[in-house]
């Protein structure tokens, strides 16, 4: 392989040290890189990346001593279009670096970054580290009354500020002075069994049908569906291994015989790589997009004539609700869903009809 046109650098990507390869568009070079072991494309890094190993360093003529001394690339500061003061830019970088060191999930990092940025954009030249609890309380009041943010957004913004002042600056916990907004008690949206049947029948290609059935039949989050790998399927034990899901937890869920038959049909049709993702995306080495899967569900709902609102997560809610309707113990459902607290699972008691069917309305006793 001609490496003269390839720029190499050491980066930390998703918690691992990688060698980033960047080069002008070249089909031959791209084909050669794809054949390297564990070579992956990253839209974020805008290049291919490989494991940082002595063999890969020798392949690209990298001086080990120099590369070791070179600092890994910092977590990139997002472009906002609005300039921050030099001080607040540095504080934002410290905030992002701390999130990276704590190894929070990508979604949590993105949420915290966006919410912290909203405060920095308001401050202009004011130093963020000089804000007092009273000033922060007035800012949260502004977010509540002027911006009219939802309860969930207010909680996320307060969590981001709490992380900065307590984890980055090491301040004492003074956020008790800022009351948290009371969240709305919303029942989980779910589909009926008939609606789930109609949606799956309308899904179309076997790949789409398999993903939707996995979400419902195993109670999976949309991120868990797309990040499944072929070797996560244990057909002999009829189970599915969910690895490093929300909260970085592993769990095992039951795989129904019907689901296993469909998975084998999908394997015969699509032939995903044995050592890769079960549902690969358009970019080699990357999983199917969660956004694309949400659009698959929306299209299936529209074709099936299901008007009830609900995203992919509603299939997970339907899984739990229908198990409760069948009399499954709530602690078993908690285990299957991977919940930390039984209180989270108990929400489904408000939507199940198992006990409601045995209750007679007093209206039925009237002699009308």
Protein backbone atom coordinates (compact mmCIF):
# COMPACT_ATOMS: atom_id res chain seq x y z
CA UNK A 1 0.00 0.00 0.00
CA UNK A 2 1.27 3.49 -0.92
CA UNK A 3 1.25 5.37 2.41
CA UNK A 4 2.88 8.55 1.16
CA UNK A 5 -0.44 10.39 0.74
CA UNK A 6 -1.88 9.18 4.06
CA UNK A 7 -1.82 11.47 7.10
CA UNK A 8 -1.64 9.49 10.35
CA UNK A 9 -2.32 10.65 13.88
CA UNK A 10 -3.05 9.11 17.28
CA UNK A 11 -6.57 9.66 18.60
CA UNK A 12 -8.75 8.34 21.39
CA UNK A 13 -12.06 7.19 19.94
CA UNK A 14 -14.83 5.64 22.03
CA UNK A 15 -12.42 4.87 24.83
CA UNK A 16 -9.74 3.17 22.70
CA UNK A 17 -6.41 4.37 21.29
CA UNK A 18 -6.65 4.36 17.50
CA UNK A 19 -4.51 5.41 14.54
CA UNK A 20 -6.47 7.84 12.37
CA UNK A 21 -5.84 7.65 8.62
CA UNK A 22 -6.84 10.57 6.42
CA UNK A 23 -6.17 10.83 2.69
CA UNK A 24 -7.67 12.34 -0.48
CA UNK A 25 -10.47 10.35 -2.05
CA UNK A 26 -8.90 7.31 -3.67
CA UNK A 27 -10.87 4.13 -4.39
CA UNK A 28 -7.77 1.93 -4.45
CA UNK A 29 -6.48 3.25 -1.12
CA UNK A 30 -9.92 2.94 0.47
CA UNK A 31 -10.24 -0.65 -0.73
CA UNK A 32 -6.82 -1.48 0.72
CA UNK A 33 -7.63 0.11 4.09
CA UNK A 34 -10.93 -1.77 4.32
CA UNK A 35 -9.04 -5.07 4.17
CA UNK A 36 -7.01 -4.20 7.27
CA UNK A 37 -8.13 -5.87 10.48
CA UNK A 38 -10.65 -3.81 12.51
CA UNK A 39 -10.48 -0.85 10.11
CA UNK A 40 -13.48 1.42 10.61
CA UNK A 41 -14.77 4.62 9.06
CA UNK A 42 -15.75 7.49 11.37
CA UNK A 43 -17.94 10.38 10.21
CA UNK A 44 -16.96 12.30 13.33
CA UNK A 45 -13.20 11.96 12.73
CA UNK A 46 -13.61 12.13 8.95
CA UNK A 47 -11.26 9.28 8.31
CA UNK A 48 -10.50 5.59 8.80
CA UNK A 49 -9.11 4.41 12.13
CA UNK A 50 -7.23 1.28 13.19
CA UNK A 51 -6.13 -0.19 16.53
CA UNK A 52 -2.95 1.43 17.87
CA UNK A 53 -0.63 -1.58 17.62
CA UNK A 54 3.10 -1.91 16.84
CA UNK A 55 2.23 -3.76 13.61
CA UNK A 56 -0.01 -0.93 12.38
CA UNK A 57 2.61 1.67 13.33
CA UNK A 58 5.25 -0.17 11.33
CA UNK A 59 2.84 -0.51 8.40
CA UNK A 60 2.45 3.25 8.17
CA UNK A 61 6.09 4.06 9.03
CA UNK A 62 5.17 5.77 12.30
CA UNK A 63 7.94 6.49 14.80
CA UNK A 64 6.76 4.88 18.02
CA UNK A 65 8.72 7.27 20.24
CA UNK A 66 7.41 10.39 18.53
CA UNK A 67 3.85 9.11 18.39
CA UNK A 68 3.87 8.22 22.05
CA UNK A 69 5.02 11.71 22.99
CA UNK A 70 2.44 13.38 20.78
CA UNK A 71 -0.73 14.17 22.73
CA UNK A 72 -3.95 12.56 21.61
CA UNK A 73 -6.37 14.89 19.90
CA UNK A 74 -8.58 16.80 22.30
CA UNK A 75 -12.30 16.33 22.35
CA UNK A 76 -13.46 18.77 19.65
CA UNK A 77 -15.33 21.87 20.75
CA UNK A 78 -18.56 22.16 18.72
CA UNK A 79 -18.94 24.99 16.23
CA UNK A 80 -21.74 27.32 17.32
CA UNK A 81 -21.43 30.31 15.01
CA UNK A 82 -21.29 32.52 18.12
CA UNK A 83 -17.80 33.28 19.49
CA UNK A 84 -17.12 32.49 23.14
CA UNK A 85 -14.67 34.40 25.29
CA UNK A 86 -11.22 32.83 25.58
CA UNK A 87 -11.92 31.93 29.22
CA UNK A 88 -15.28 30.27 28.54
CA UNK A 89 -13.83 28.46 25.52
CA UNK A 90 -11.19 26.98 27.83
CA UNK A 91 -13.84 26.05 30.40
CA UNK A 92 -15.90 24.33 27.72
CA UNK A 93 -12.84 22.33 26.71
CA UNK A 94 -12.23 21.34 30.35
CA UNK A 95 -15.91 20.34 30.59
CA UNK A 96 -15.67 18.12 27.48
CA UNK A 97 -12.40 16.57 28.61
CA UNK A 98 -13.87 15.71 31.99
CA UNK A 99 -16.86 14.05 30.33
CA UNK A 100 -14.47 12.00 28.19
CA UNK A 101 -12.43 10.93 31.23
CA UNK A 102 -15.58 9.89 33.09
CA UNK A 103 -16.49 7.79 30.02
CA UNK A 104 -20.11 8.83 29.98
CA UNK A 105 -22.18 7.47 27.11
CA UNK A 106 -22.16 9.35 23.80
CA UNK A 107 -25.78 10.46 24.22
CA UNK A 108 -25.14 11.78 27.75
CA UNK A 109 -22.03 13.66 26.57
CA UNK A 110 -23.97 15.21 23.71
CA UNK A 111 -26.83 16.30 25.98
CA UNK A 112 -24.55 17.76 28.66
CA UNK A 113 -22.44 19.57 26.05
CA UNK A 114 -25.49 21.14 24.38
CA UNK A 115 -27.06 22.24 27.67
CA UNK A 116 -23.81 23.73 29.01
CA UNK A 117 -23.31 25.58 25.72
CA UNK A 118 -26.66 27.34 26.18
CA UNK A 119 -25.38 28.94 29.38
CA UNK A 120 -22.04 29.93 27.85
CA UNK A 121 -23.75 31.61 24.91
CA UNK A 122 -25.71 33.79 27.34
CA UNK A 123 -22.64 34.85 29.32
CA UNK A 124 -20.63 36.51 26.54
CA UNK A 125 -17.58 37.95 28.41
CA UNK A 126 -18.71 36.88 31.91
CA UNK A 127 -16.53 34.12 33.39
CA UNK A 128 -18.64 31.01 33.92
CA UNK A 129 -16.63 29.91 36.97
CA UNK A 130 -17.52 33.18 38.75
CA UNK A 131 -21.28 32.51 38.73
CA UNK A 132 -22.87 32.25 42.16
CA UNK A 133 -25.73 30.00 43.20
CA UNK A 134 -28.04 33.02 43.17
CA UNK A 135 -27.03 33.91 39.60
CA UNK A 136 -27.55 30.32 38.48
CA UNK A 137 -30.96 30.27 40.14
CA UNK A 138 -31.95 33.39 38.19
CA UNK A 139 -30.70 31.76 35.01
CA UNK A 140 -32.84 28.66 35.63
CA UNK A 141 -35.81 30.95 36.33
CA UNK A 142 -35.16 32.59 32.95
CA UNK A 143 -35.13 29.15 31.30
CA UNK A 144 -38.42 28.30 32.99
CA UNK A 145 -40.39 31.50 32.50
CA UNK A 146 -38.89 33.14 29.40
CA UNK A 147 -37.75 30.13 27.37
CA UNK A 148 -40.56 27.91 28.75
CA UNK A 149 -38.43 24.80 28.56
CA UNK A 150 -39.98 21.44 29.37
CA UNK A 151 -39.41 19.73 32.70
CA UNK A 152 -37.12 17.13 31.12
CA UNK A 153 -34.97 19.79 29.43
CA UNK A 154 -34.72 21.76 32.67
CA UNK A 155 -33.52 18.64 34.48
CA UNK A 156 -30.90 17.99 31.78
CA UNK A 157 -29.67 21.58 31.91
CA UNK A 158 -29.42 21.51 35.69
CA UNK A 159 -27.55 18.19 35.55
CA UNK A 160 -25.04 19.68 33.08
CA UNK A 161 -24.42 22.71 35.31
CA UNK A 162 -24.14 20.48 38.35
CA UNK A 163 -21.53 18.37 36.54
CA UNK A 164 -19.46 21.43 35.63
CA UNK A 165 -19.41 23.08 39.06
CA UNK A 166 -19.00 19.89 41.08
CA UNK A 167 -16.97 17.61 38.79
CA UNK A 168 -14.88 20.11 36.81
CA UNK A 169 -14.40 22.89 39.39
CA UNK A 170 -14.65 20.65 42.44
CA UNK A 171 -17.12 22.94 44.20
CA UNK A 172 -19.24 21.84 47.12
CA UNK A 173 -22.77 20.73 46.37
CA UNK A 174 -24.74 23.95 46.52
CA UNK A 175 -27.42 23.04 43.99
CA UNK A 176 -29.91 22.30 46.74
CA UNK A 177 -30.60 26.05 46.59
CA UNK A 178 -31.99 25.58 43.06
CA UNK A 179 -35.25 23.60 43.22
CA UNK A 180 -35.78 20.97 40.58
CA UNK A 181 -38.99 21.21 38.55
CA UNK A 182 -41.51 18.48 39.21
CA UNK A 183 -41.71 16.10 36.29
CA UNK A 184 -45.00 15.16 34.71
CA UNK A 185 -46.21 11.63 35.40
CA UNK A 186 -46.66 10.33 31.87
CA UNK A 187 -47.81 6.81 31.16
CA UNK A 188 -45.66 4.79 28.75
CA UNK A 189 -47.02 4.89 25.20
CA UNK A 190 -47.62 1.45 23.83
CA UNK A 191 -49.35 -0.37 20.98
CA UNK A 192 -51.99 -3.06 21.29
CA UNK A 193 -51.17 -6.59 20.14
CA UNK A 194 -53.29 -6.05 17.03
CA UNK A 195 -51.41 -2.84 16.20
CA UNK A 196 -48.02 -4.54 16.66
CA UNK A 197 -49.15 -7.32 14.32
CA UNK A 198 -50.24 -4.81 11.67
CA UNK A 199 -46.98 -2.85 11.94
CA UNK A 200 -44.79 -5.94 11.56
CA UNK A 201 -46.80 -7.21 8.58
CA UNK A 202 -46.41 -3.82 6.90
CA UNK A 203 -42.66 -3.61 7.54
CA UNK A 204 -41.69 -4.92 4.10
CA UNK A 205 -38.08 -6.22 3.70
CA UNK A 206 -37.00 -9.04 6.01
CA UNK A 207 -34.27 -6.80 7.48
CA UNK A 208 -36.80 -4.18 8.62
CA UNK A 209 -39.23 -6.81 9.87
CA UNK A 210 -36.48 -8.53 11.88
CA UNK A 211 -35.39 -5.31 13.59
CA UNK A 212 -38.95 -4.35 14.57
CA UNK A 213 -39.71 -7.85 15.85
CA UNK A 214 -36.52 -7.85 17.94
CA UNK A 215 -37.45 -4.51 19.51
CA UNK A 216 -40.89 -5.82 20.47
CA UNK A 217 -40.15 -9.50 21.10
CA UNK A 218 -37.11 -8.84 23.34
CA UNK A 219 -37.99 -5.41 24.76
CA UNK A 220 -34.91 -3.72 23.25
CA UNK A 221 -34.08 -0.05 22.96
CA UNK A 222 -33.51 1.22 19.43
CA UNK A 223 -29.78 1.65 20.16
CA UNK A 224 -29.60 -1.95 21.40
CA UNK A 225 -31.21 -3.28 18.21
CA UNK A 226 -28.79 -1.57 15.82
CA UNK A 227 -25.68 -2.38 17.88
CA UNK A 228 -26.37 -6.11 18.07
CA UNK A 229 -23.60 -8.27 16.67
CA UNK A 230 -23.92 -11.66 15.05
CA UNK A 231 -22.11 -13.40 17.91
CA UNK A 232 -24.59 -11.94 20.43
CA UNK A 233 -27.11 -14.58 19.33
CA UNK A 234 -26.96 -17.79 21.35
CA UNK A 235 -29.26 -20.09 19.39
CA UNK A 236 -28.50 -23.18 21.49
CA UNK A 237 -29.75 -21.47 24.65
CA UNK A 238 -32.42 -19.41 22.86
CA UNK A 239 -31.13 -16.16 24.30
CA UNK A 240 -29.74 -12.83 23.19
CA UNK A 241 -26.76 -11.14 24.85
CA UNK A 242 -27.19 -7.37 25.17
CA UNK A 243 -23.76 -5.86 25.78
CA UNK A 244 -22.91 -2.48 27.30
CA UNK A 245 -26.42 -1.05 27.01
CA UNK A 246 -27.69 2.00 28.88
CA UNK A 247 -25.65 2.47 32.03
CA UNK A 248 -22.90 0.28 30.50
CA UNK A 249 -24.71 -2.85 31.65
CA UNK A 250 -24.85 -6.30 30.08
CA UNK A 251 -27.96 -8.43 30.26
CA UNK A 252 -29.46 -11.57 28.73
CA UNK A 253 -32.97 -11.74 27.24
CA UNK A 254 -34.96 -14.70 25.99
CA UNK A 255 -35.16 -15.33 22.26
CA UNK A 256 -38.44 -16.87 21.12
CA UNK A 257 -38.29 -19.81 18.65
CA UNK A 258 -40.29 -17.69 16.18
CA UNK A 259 -37.69 -14.93 16.42
CA UNK A 260 -34.88 -17.42 15.87
CA UNK A 261 -36.57 -18.68 12.68
CA UNK A 262 -36.82 -15.11 11.36
CA UNK A 263 -33.19 -14.39 12.27
CA UNK A 264 -32.08 -17.45 10.29
CA UNK A 265 -34.19 -16.30 7.35
CA UNK A 266 -32.59 -12.87 7.60
CA UNK A 267 -29.11 -14.42 7.76
CA UNK A 268 -29.79 -16.44 4.61
CA UNK A 269 -31.02 -13.36 2.76
CA UNK A 270 -28.58 -10.65 3.91
CA UNK A 271 -25.44 -12.53 5.02
CA UNK A 272 -24.07 -9.97 7.51
CA UNK A 273 -20.36 -10.41 8.43
CA UNK A 274 -19.90 -13.02 11.15
CA UNK A 275 -17.63 -10.80 13.21
CA UNK A 276 -19.57 -7.58 12.64
CA UNK A 277 -22.90 -5.94 13.30
CA UNK A 278 -26.04 -7.98 12.78
CA UNK A 279 -27.59 -5.00 10.96
CA UNK A 280 -24.74 -3.17 9.20
CA UNK A 281 -25.26 0.35 7.93
CA UNK A 282 -24.28 1.96 4.63
CA UNK A 283 -20.83 2.92 5.94
CA UNK A 284 -18.58 -0.16 6.22
CA UNK A 285 -17.96 -1.18 9.82
CA UNK A 286 -20.75 1.02 11.20
CA UNK A 287 -24.17 -0.15 12.48
CA UNK A 288 -27.55 0.68 11.01
CA UNK A 289 -28.64 4.21 11.88
CA UNK A 290 -31.11 4.62 14.77
CA UNK A 291 -32.72 7.46 12.84
CA UNK A 292 -33.23 5.19 9.83
CA UNK A 293 -34.87 2.56 12.03
CA UNK A 294 -37.24 5.18 13.45
CA UNK A 295 -38.19 6.06 9.86
CA UNK A 296 -38.75 2.36 9.11
CA UNK A 297 -41.27 2.19 11.96
CA UNK A 298 -42.98 5.41 10.85
CA UNK A 299 -43.36 4.06 7.32
CA UNK A 300 -44.72 0.73 8.59
CA UNK A 301 -47.23 2.51 10.84
CA UNK A 302 -48.42 4.66 7.97
CA UNK A 303 -48.79 1.66 5.66
CA UNK A 304 -50.63 -0.31 8.37
CA UNK A 305 -52.95 2.60 9.14
CA UNK A 306 -51.86 2.81 12.79
CA UNK A 307 -52.55 6.40 13.87
CA UNK A 308 -51.56 6.02 17.52
CA UNK A 309 -48.42 8.09 18.31
CA UNK A 310 -45.34 6.16 19.34
CA UNK A 311 -41.71 5.69 18.33
CA UNK A 312 -39.43 2.64 18.51
CA UNK A 313 -39.45 2.94 22.29
CA UNK A 314 -43.20 2.31 22.23
CA UNK A 315 -42.42 -1.23 21.04
CA UNK A 316 -40.32 -1.73 24.17
CA UNK A 317 -43.18 -0.34 26.27
CA UNK A 318 -45.56 -2.71 24.47
CA UNK A 319 -43.30 -5.66 25.34
CA UNK A 320 -43.48 -4.84 29.07
CA UNK A 321 -47.19 -4.03 29.05
CA UNK A 322 -48.20 -7.22 27.24
CA UNK A 323 -46.07 -9.33 29.57
CA UNK A 324 -47.86 -7.79 32.55
CA UNK A 325 -51.20 -8.49 30.87
CA UNK A 326 -50.18 -12.17 30.72
CA UNK A 327 -49.36 -12.20 34.43
CA UNK A 328 -45.55 -12.12 34.26
CA UNK A 329 -43.92 -11.12 37.54
CA UNK A 330 -42.86 -7.48 37.57
CA UNK A 331 -39.37 -8.30 38.91
CA UNK A 332 -38.76 -10.59 35.93
CA UNK A 333 -39.82 -7.79 33.57
CA UNK A 334 -37.44 -5.46 35.40
CA UNK A 335 -34.62 -7.93 34.74
CA UNK A 336 -35.51 -8.33 31.06
CA UNK A 337 -35.66 -4.57 30.51
CA UNK A 338 -32.41 -3.92 32.38
CA UNK A 339 -33.92 -1.39 34.80
CA UNK A 340 -31.92 -0.29 37.83
CA UNK A 341 -34.95 0.39 39.99
CA UNK A 342 -38.23 -1.49 40.38
CA UNK A 343 -39.95 1.91 40.48
CA UNK A 344 -39.19 2.37 36.79
CA UNK A 345 -40.83 -0.94 35.92
CA UNK A 346 -43.86 -0.30 38.15
CA UNK A 347 -44.97 2.44 35.74
CA UNK A 348 -46.37 -0.29 33.52
CA UNK A 349 -48.87 -1.24 36.22
CA UNK A 350 -50.74 1.94 35.31
CA UNK A 351 -51.29 0.83 31.71
CA UNK A 352 -51.88 -2.91 32.00
CA UNK A 353 -55.49 -4.12 31.79
CA UNK A 354 -54.91 -7.35 33.73
CA UNK A 355 -56.63 -6.14 36.89
CA UNK A 356 -58.95 -3.63 35.24
CA UNK A 357 -60.84 -6.34 33.37
CA UNK A 358 -62.01 -7.80 36.68
CA UNK A 359 -63.39 -4.51 37.99
CA UNK A 360 -67.07 -3.79 37.33
CA UNK A 361 -68.17 -0.22 37.00
CA UNK A 362 -70.98 0.85 39.40
CA UNK A 363 -72.81 1.96 36.26
CA UNK A 364 -73.36 -1.72 35.45
CA UNK A 365 -75.37 -2.14 38.68
CA UNK A 366 -77.91 0.53 37.82
CA UNK A 367 -81.33 -0.57 36.68
CA UNK A 368 -81.69 1.72 33.67
